[in-house]
N, C-alpha and C. Protein backbone atom coordinates (compact mmCIF):
# COMPACT_ATOMS: atom_id res chain seq x y z
N MET A 1 5.19 8.70 -15.05
CA MET A 1 5.33 9.38 -13.79
C MET A 1 4.46 8.68 -12.76
N SER A 2 5.00 8.46 -11.60
CA SER A 2 4.27 7.74 -10.57
C SER A 2 3.51 8.68 -9.64
N ALA A 3 2.51 8.12 -8.99
CA ALA A 3 1.77 8.84 -7.96
C ALA A 3 2.33 8.44 -6.61
N GLU A 4 2.49 9.40 -5.74
CA GLU A 4 2.98 9.14 -4.39
C GLU A 4 1.89 9.50 -3.40
N LEU A 5 1.57 8.54 -2.54
CA LEU A 5 0.51 8.74 -1.56
C LEU A 5 1.02 8.38 -0.17
N TYR A 6 0.40 8.98 0.82
CA TYR A 6 0.74 8.71 2.21
C TYR A 6 -0.51 8.21 2.92
N ILE A 7 -0.42 7.00 3.45
CA ILE A 7 -1.51 6.46 4.25
C ILE A 7 -1.19 6.81 5.70
N LYS A 8 -2.02 7.68 6.27
CA LYS A 8 -1.77 8.15 7.63
C LYS A 8 -2.85 7.63 8.56
N PHE A 9 -2.50 7.56 9.81
CA PHE A 9 -3.36 6.93 10.81
C PHE A 9 -3.80 7.95 11.86
N LYS A 10 -5.09 7.94 12.18
CA LYS A 10 -5.60 8.83 13.23
C LYS A 10 -4.91 8.51 14.55
N ASN A 11 -4.77 7.21 14.84
CA ASN A 11 -4.04 6.75 16.03
C ASN A 11 -2.61 6.46 15.58
N SER A 12 -1.71 7.35 15.90
CA SER A 12 -0.33 7.24 15.40
C SER A 12 0.40 5.98 15.88
N LYS A 13 -0.07 5.33 16.92
CA LYS A 13 0.58 4.12 17.43
C LYS A 13 0.08 2.85 16.75
N TRP A 14 -1.04 2.94 16.03
CA TRP A 14 -1.63 1.76 15.45
C TRP A 14 -0.69 1.07 14.46
N LEU A 15 -0.02 1.84 13.63
CA LEU A 15 0.88 1.28 12.63
C LEU A 15 1.96 0.43 13.28
N LYS A 16 2.62 0.96 14.26
CA LYS A 16 3.71 0.24 14.92
C LYS A 16 3.19 -1.02 15.63
N THR A 17 2.07 -0.90 16.28
CA THR A 17 1.49 -2.02 17.03
C THR A 17 1.04 -3.16 16.12
N ASN A 18 0.62 -2.83 14.91
CA ASN A 18 0.03 -3.82 14.00
C ASN A 18 0.83 -4.08 12.74
N LYS A 19 2.09 -3.76 12.77
CA LYS A 19 2.94 -3.85 11.58
C LYS A 19 2.99 -5.27 11.00
N LYS A 20 3.10 -6.28 11.82
CA LYS A 20 3.16 -7.66 11.33
C LYS A 20 1.87 -8.05 10.61
N GLU A 21 0.75 -7.63 11.14
CA GLU A 21 -0.54 -7.93 10.50
C GLU A 21 -0.65 -7.19 9.16
N ILE A 22 -0.15 -5.97 9.10
CA ILE A 22 -0.14 -5.22 7.84
C ILE A 22 0.73 -5.94 6.81
N GLU A 23 1.90 -6.37 7.23
CA GLU A 23 2.79 -7.11 6.33
C GLU A 23 2.11 -8.37 5.82
N TYR A 24 1.43 -9.08 6.70
CA TYR A 24 0.72 -10.29 6.31
C TYR A 24 -0.38 -9.96 5.28
N GLN A 25 -1.14 -8.92 5.53
CA GLN A 25 -2.23 -8.55 4.62
C GLN A 25 -1.69 -8.19 3.24
N ILE A 26 -0.60 -7.44 3.19
CA ILE A 26 -0.01 -7.08 1.89
C ILE A 26 0.50 -8.34 1.19
N SER A 27 1.19 -9.19 1.93
CA SER A 27 1.76 -10.41 1.35
C SER A 27 0.69 -11.38 0.85
N SER A 28 -0.51 -11.28 1.37
CA SER A 28 -1.57 -12.19 0.94
C SER A 28 -2.34 -11.69 -0.28
N LEU A 29 -2.04 -10.49 -0.74
CA LEU A 29 -2.72 -9.96 -1.92
C LEU A 29 -2.31 -10.75 -3.17
N GLU A 30 -3.24 -10.93 -4.07
CA GLU A 30 -3.00 -11.69 -5.30
C GLU A 30 -1.86 -11.09 -6.14
N THR A 31 -1.66 -9.80 -6.04
CA THR A 31 -0.66 -9.13 -6.86
C THR A 31 0.70 -8.99 -6.18
N PHE A 32 0.81 -9.48 -4.95
CA PHE A 32 2.08 -9.38 -4.22
C PHE A 32 3.15 -10.23 -4.91
N VAL A 33 4.37 -9.66 -5.08
CA VAL A 33 5.45 -10.41 -5.70
C VAL A 33 6.76 -10.39 -4.93
N LYS A 34 6.98 -9.40 -4.08
CA LYS A 34 8.31 -9.30 -3.46
C LYS A 34 8.26 -8.43 -2.21
N ASN A 35 9.12 -8.77 -1.25
CA ASN A 35 9.31 -7.98 -0.04
C ASN A 35 10.80 -7.90 0.24
N THR A 36 11.32 -6.69 0.33
CA THR A 36 12.71 -6.50 0.72
C THR A 36 12.78 -5.35 1.71
N ASN A 37 13.25 -5.63 2.90
CA ASN A 37 13.47 -4.58 3.90
C ASN A 37 12.30 -3.61 4.04
N GLU A 38 11.13 -4.14 4.29
CA GLU A 38 9.92 -3.35 4.52
C GLU A 38 9.44 -2.60 3.28
N GLU A 39 9.87 -3.05 2.10
CA GLU A 39 9.38 -2.53 0.83
C GLU A 39 8.65 -3.67 0.14
N PHE A 40 7.36 -3.49 -0.10
CA PHE A 40 6.52 -4.53 -0.68
C PHE A 40 6.15 -4.16 -2.11
N TRP A 41 6.35 -5.11 -3.03
CA TRP A 41 6.07 -4.87 -4.45
C TRP A 41 4.79 -5.60 -4.84
N LEU A 42 3.96 -4.90 -5.61
CA LEU A 42 2.78 -5.49 -6.21
C LEU A 42 2.91 -5.34 -7.73
N THR A 43 2.53 -6.38 -8.45
CA THR A 43 2.54 -6.35 -9.91
C THR A 43 1.22 -6.90 -10.40
N GLY A 44 0.64 -6.22 -11.37
CA GLY A 44 -0.64 -6.65 -11.91
C GLY A 44 -0.58 -8.06 -12.48
N ILE A 45 -1.63 -8.84 -12.24
CA ILE A 45 -1.65 -10.20 -12.76
C ILE A 45 -1.75 -10.19 -14.28
N GLU A 46 -2.14 -9.05 -14.85
CA GLU A 46 -2.19 -8.94 -16.30
C GLU A 46 -0.78 -9.00 -16.90
N SER A 47 0.23 -8.72 -16.08
CA SER A 47 1.61 -8.68 -16.58
C SER A 47 2.56 -9.32 -15.56
N LYS A 48 2.23 -10.52 -15.10
CA LYS A 48 3.01 -11.18 -14.05
C LYS A 48 4.47 -11.39 -14.45
N GLU A 49 4.76 -11.49 -15.74
CA GLU A 49 6.15 -11.67 -16.15
C GLU A 49 6.97 -10.39 -15.99
N ASN A 50 6.31 -9.28 -15.65
CA ASN A 50 6.98 -8.02 -15.38
C ASN A 50 7.93 -8.21 -14.20
N PRO A 51 9.23 -8.05 -14.38
CA PRO A 51 10.17 -8.27 -13.27
C PRO A 51 10.23 -7.09 -12.31
N TYR A 52 9.45 -6.08 -12.57
CA TYR A 52 9.47 -4.88 -11.76
C TYR A 52 8.19 -4.78 -10.94
N PHE A 53 7.77 -3.60 -10.64
CA PHE A 53 6.60 -3.41 -9.81
C PHE A 53 5.65 -2.43 -10.47
N ASP A 54 4.40 -2.52 -10.08
CA ASP A 54 3.42 -1.51 -10.46
C ASP A 54 3.14 -0.62 -9.26
N VAL A 55 3.29 -1.19 -8.07
CA VAL A 55 3.07 -0.46 -6.81
C VAL A 55 4.13 -0.90 -5.81
N ARG A 56 4.60 0.06 -5.04
CA ARG A 56 5.47 -0.26 -3.90
C ARG A 56 4.87 0.37 -2.65
N LEU A 57 4.86 -0.40 -1.57
CA LEU A 57 4.43 0.08 -0.27
C LEU A 57 5.63 0.03 0.66
N PHE A 58 5.90 1.13 1.32
CA PHE A 58 7.04 1.23 2.22
C PHE A 58 6.54 1.31 3.65
N LEU A 59 6.97 0.36 4.47
CA LEU A 59 6.52 0.31 5.86
C LEU A 59 7.59 0.75 6.84
N ASN A 60 8.63 1.39 6.37
CA ASN A 60 9.75 1.75 7.24
C ASN A 60 9.61 3.14 7.85
N TYR A 61 8.44 3.73 7.76
CA TYR A 61 8.20 5.03 8.39
C TYR A 61 7.40 4.83 9.66
N GLU A 62 7.60 5.68 10.62
CA GLU A 62 6.99 5.51 11.93
C GLU A 62 5.49 5.83 11.95
N ASN A 63 5.07 6.85 11.19
CA ASN A 63 3.70 7.34 11.31
C ASN A 63 2.82 7.16 10.08
N TYR A 64 3.36 6.59 9.02
CA TYR A 64 2.56 6.44 7.81
C TYR A 64 3.14 5.33 6.93
N ILE A 65 2.33 4.91 5.97
CA ILE A 65 2.78 3.99 4.93
C ILE A 65 2.93 4.82 3.67
N PHE A 66 4.08 4.74 3.04
CA PHE A 66 4.31 5.44 1.78
C PHE A 66 3.93 4.51 0.64
N LEU A 67 3.12 5.00 -0.27
CA LEU A 67 2.59 4.20 -1.38
C LEU A 67 2.98 4.87 -2.69
N GLU A 68 3.70 4.14 -3.53
CA GLU A 68 4.11 4.64 -4.84
C GLU A 68 3.42 3.80 -5.91
N ILE A 69 2.62 4.46 -6.73
CA ILE A 69 1.88 3.77 -7.79
C ILE A 69 2.46 4.18 -9.13
N THR A 70 3.04 3.21 -9.84
CA THR A 70 3.59 3.47 -11.16
C THR A 70 2.53 3.21 -12.23
N PHE A 71 1.88 2.06 -12.14
CA PHE A 71 0.78 1.68 -13.03
C PHE A 71 -0.31 1.07 -12.17
N HIS A 72 -1.54 1.19 -12.61
CA HIS A 72 -2.60 0.53 -11.85
C HIS A 72 -3.63 -0.13 -12.76
N PRO A 73 -3.22 -1.29 -13.32
CA PRO A 73 -4.20 -2.08 -14.07
C PRO A 73 -5.29 -2.56 -13.09
N PHE A 74 -6.31 -3.15 -13.64
CA PHE A 74 -7.47 -3.56 -12.84
C PHE A 74 -7.09 -4.38 -11.61
N SER A 75 -6.19 -5.35 -11.76
CA SER A 75 -5.84 -6.22 -10.63
C SER A 75 -5.15 -5.43 -9.50
N ILE A 76 -4.39 -4.43 -9.85
CA ILE A 76 -3.75 -3.58 -8.84
C ILE A 76 -4.81 -2.75 -8.12
N GLU A 77 -5.73 -2.18 -8.87
CA GLU A 77 -6.80 -1.41 -8.25
C GLU A 77 -7.58 -2.27 -7.27
N GLN A 78 -7.86 -3.51 -7.67
CA GLN A 78 -8.59 -4.42 -6.78
C GLN A 78 -7.78 -4.74 -5.52
N SER A 79 -6.50 -5.00 -5.68
CA SER A 79 -5.65 -5.30 -4.52
C SER A 79 -5.58 -4.11 -3.57
N LEU A 80 -5.42 -2.92 -4.12
CA LEU A 80 -5.36 -1.74 -3.25
C LEU A 80 -6.69 -1.50 -2.54
N LYS A 81 -7.80 -1.73 -3.25
CA LYS A 81 -9.11 -1.60 -2.61
C LYS A 81 -9.27 -2.60 -1.47
N ILE A 82 -8.84 -3.82 -1.69
CA ILE A 82 -8.92 -4.85 -0.63
C ILE A 82 -8.08 -4.45 0.56
N PHE A 83 -6.84 -4.04 0.31
CA PHE A 83 -5.95 -3.67 1.40
C PHE A 83 -6.46 -2.44 2.15
N LEU A 84 -6.87 -1.42 1.43
CA LEU A 84 -7.34 -0.20 2.10
C LEU A 84 -8.66 -0.43 2.82
N SER A 85 -9.52 -1.27 2.28
CA SER A 85 -10.77 -1.62 2.98
C SER A 85 -10.45 -2.36 4.28
N TRP A 86 -9.50 -3.26 4.23
CA TRP A 86 -9.10 -3.96 5.44
C TRP A 86 -8.57 -2.96 6.48
N LEU A 87 -7.68 -2.07 6.04
CA LEU A 87 -7.15 -1.05 6.97
C LEU A 87 -8.27 -0.24 7.59
N ARG A 88 -9.19 0.21 6.76
CA ARG A 88 -10.30 1.04 7.26
C ARG A 88 -11.20 0.26 8.22
N SER A 89 -11.25 -1.05 8.07
CA SER A 89 -12.07 -1.85 9.00
C SER A 89 -11.39 -1.99 10.37
N LYS A 90 -10.10 -1.71 10.42
CA LYS A 90 -9.33 -1.88 11.65
C LYS A 90 -9.06 -0.57 12.38
N THR A 91 -8.92 0.53 11.62
CA THR A 91 -8.56 1.81 12.22
C THR A 91 -8.93 2.94 11.28
N ASP A 92 -8.92 4.15 11.80
CA ASP A 92 -9.21 5.33 10.98
C ASP A 92 -7.95 5.75 10.24
N ILE A 93 -8.06 5.85 8.93
CA ILE A 93 -6.94 6.29 8.10
C ILE A 93 -7.39 7.45 7.23
N PHE A 94 -6.42 8.19 6.75
CA PHE A 94 -6.67 9.17 5.70
C PHE A 94 -5.49 9.11 4.75
N ILE A 95 -5.77 9.37 3.49
CA ILE A 95 -4.76 9.23 2.44
C ILE A 95 -4.55 10.58 1.78
N GLU A 96 -3.29 10.96 1.69
CA GLU A 96 -2.94 12.24 1.08
C GLU A 96 -1.97 12.03 -0.06
N ASP A 97 -2.03 12.93 -1.05
CA ASP A 97 -1.03 12.89 -2.12
C ASP A 97 0.22 13.64 -1.68
N GLU A 98 1.19 13.73 -2.58
CA GLU A 98 2.49 14.34 -2.23
C GLU A 98 2.37 15.82 -1.90
N ASP A 99 1.25 16.45 -2.26
CA ASP A 99 1.04 17.85 -1.94
C ASP A 99 0.23 18.05 -0.66
N GLY A 100 -0.08 16.95 0.02
CA GLY A 100 -0.87 17.02 1.24
C GLY A 100 -2.36 17.14 1.01
N GLU A 101 -2.78 16.94 -0.25
CA GLU A 101 -4.20 17.00 -0.59
C GLU A 101 -4.84 15.63 -0.36
N PRO A 102 -6.09 15.59 0.10
CA PRO A 102 -6.77 14.30 0.28
C PRO A 102 -6.88 13.54 -1.03
N SER A 103 -6.69 12.23 -0.96
CA SER A 103 -6.80 11.37 -2.13
C SER A 103 -8.13 10.65 -2.09
N ASN A 104 -8.65 10.31 -3.25
CA ASN A 104 -9.92 9.58 -3.31
C ASN A 104 -9.75 8.06 -3.23
N TRP A 105 -8.55 7.59 -2.97
CA TRP A 105 -8.35 6.16 -2.78
C TRP A 105 -9.05 5.78 -1.50
């Protein structure tokens, strides 16, 4: 069973204004493997031959990034920490689970 998270922005316009930079940051992660129509796949380096994904990030929403985590081996955790740290250095974000509860990511 996967975890579903929503990365939301205090400044609702920041996502739209900086979408290309977000795409670049995700694509530069060590675990990045695929991008199709604003859906970015990450796969742990522990299992690079995995033809699927461990994490998917969806950038096709106007006010948030949808994050689906299927598995999170160490390399995925590190990639997500890098990406979320970068986001936090640029703007105020908050992360909620599918029930609207704050996440500790």
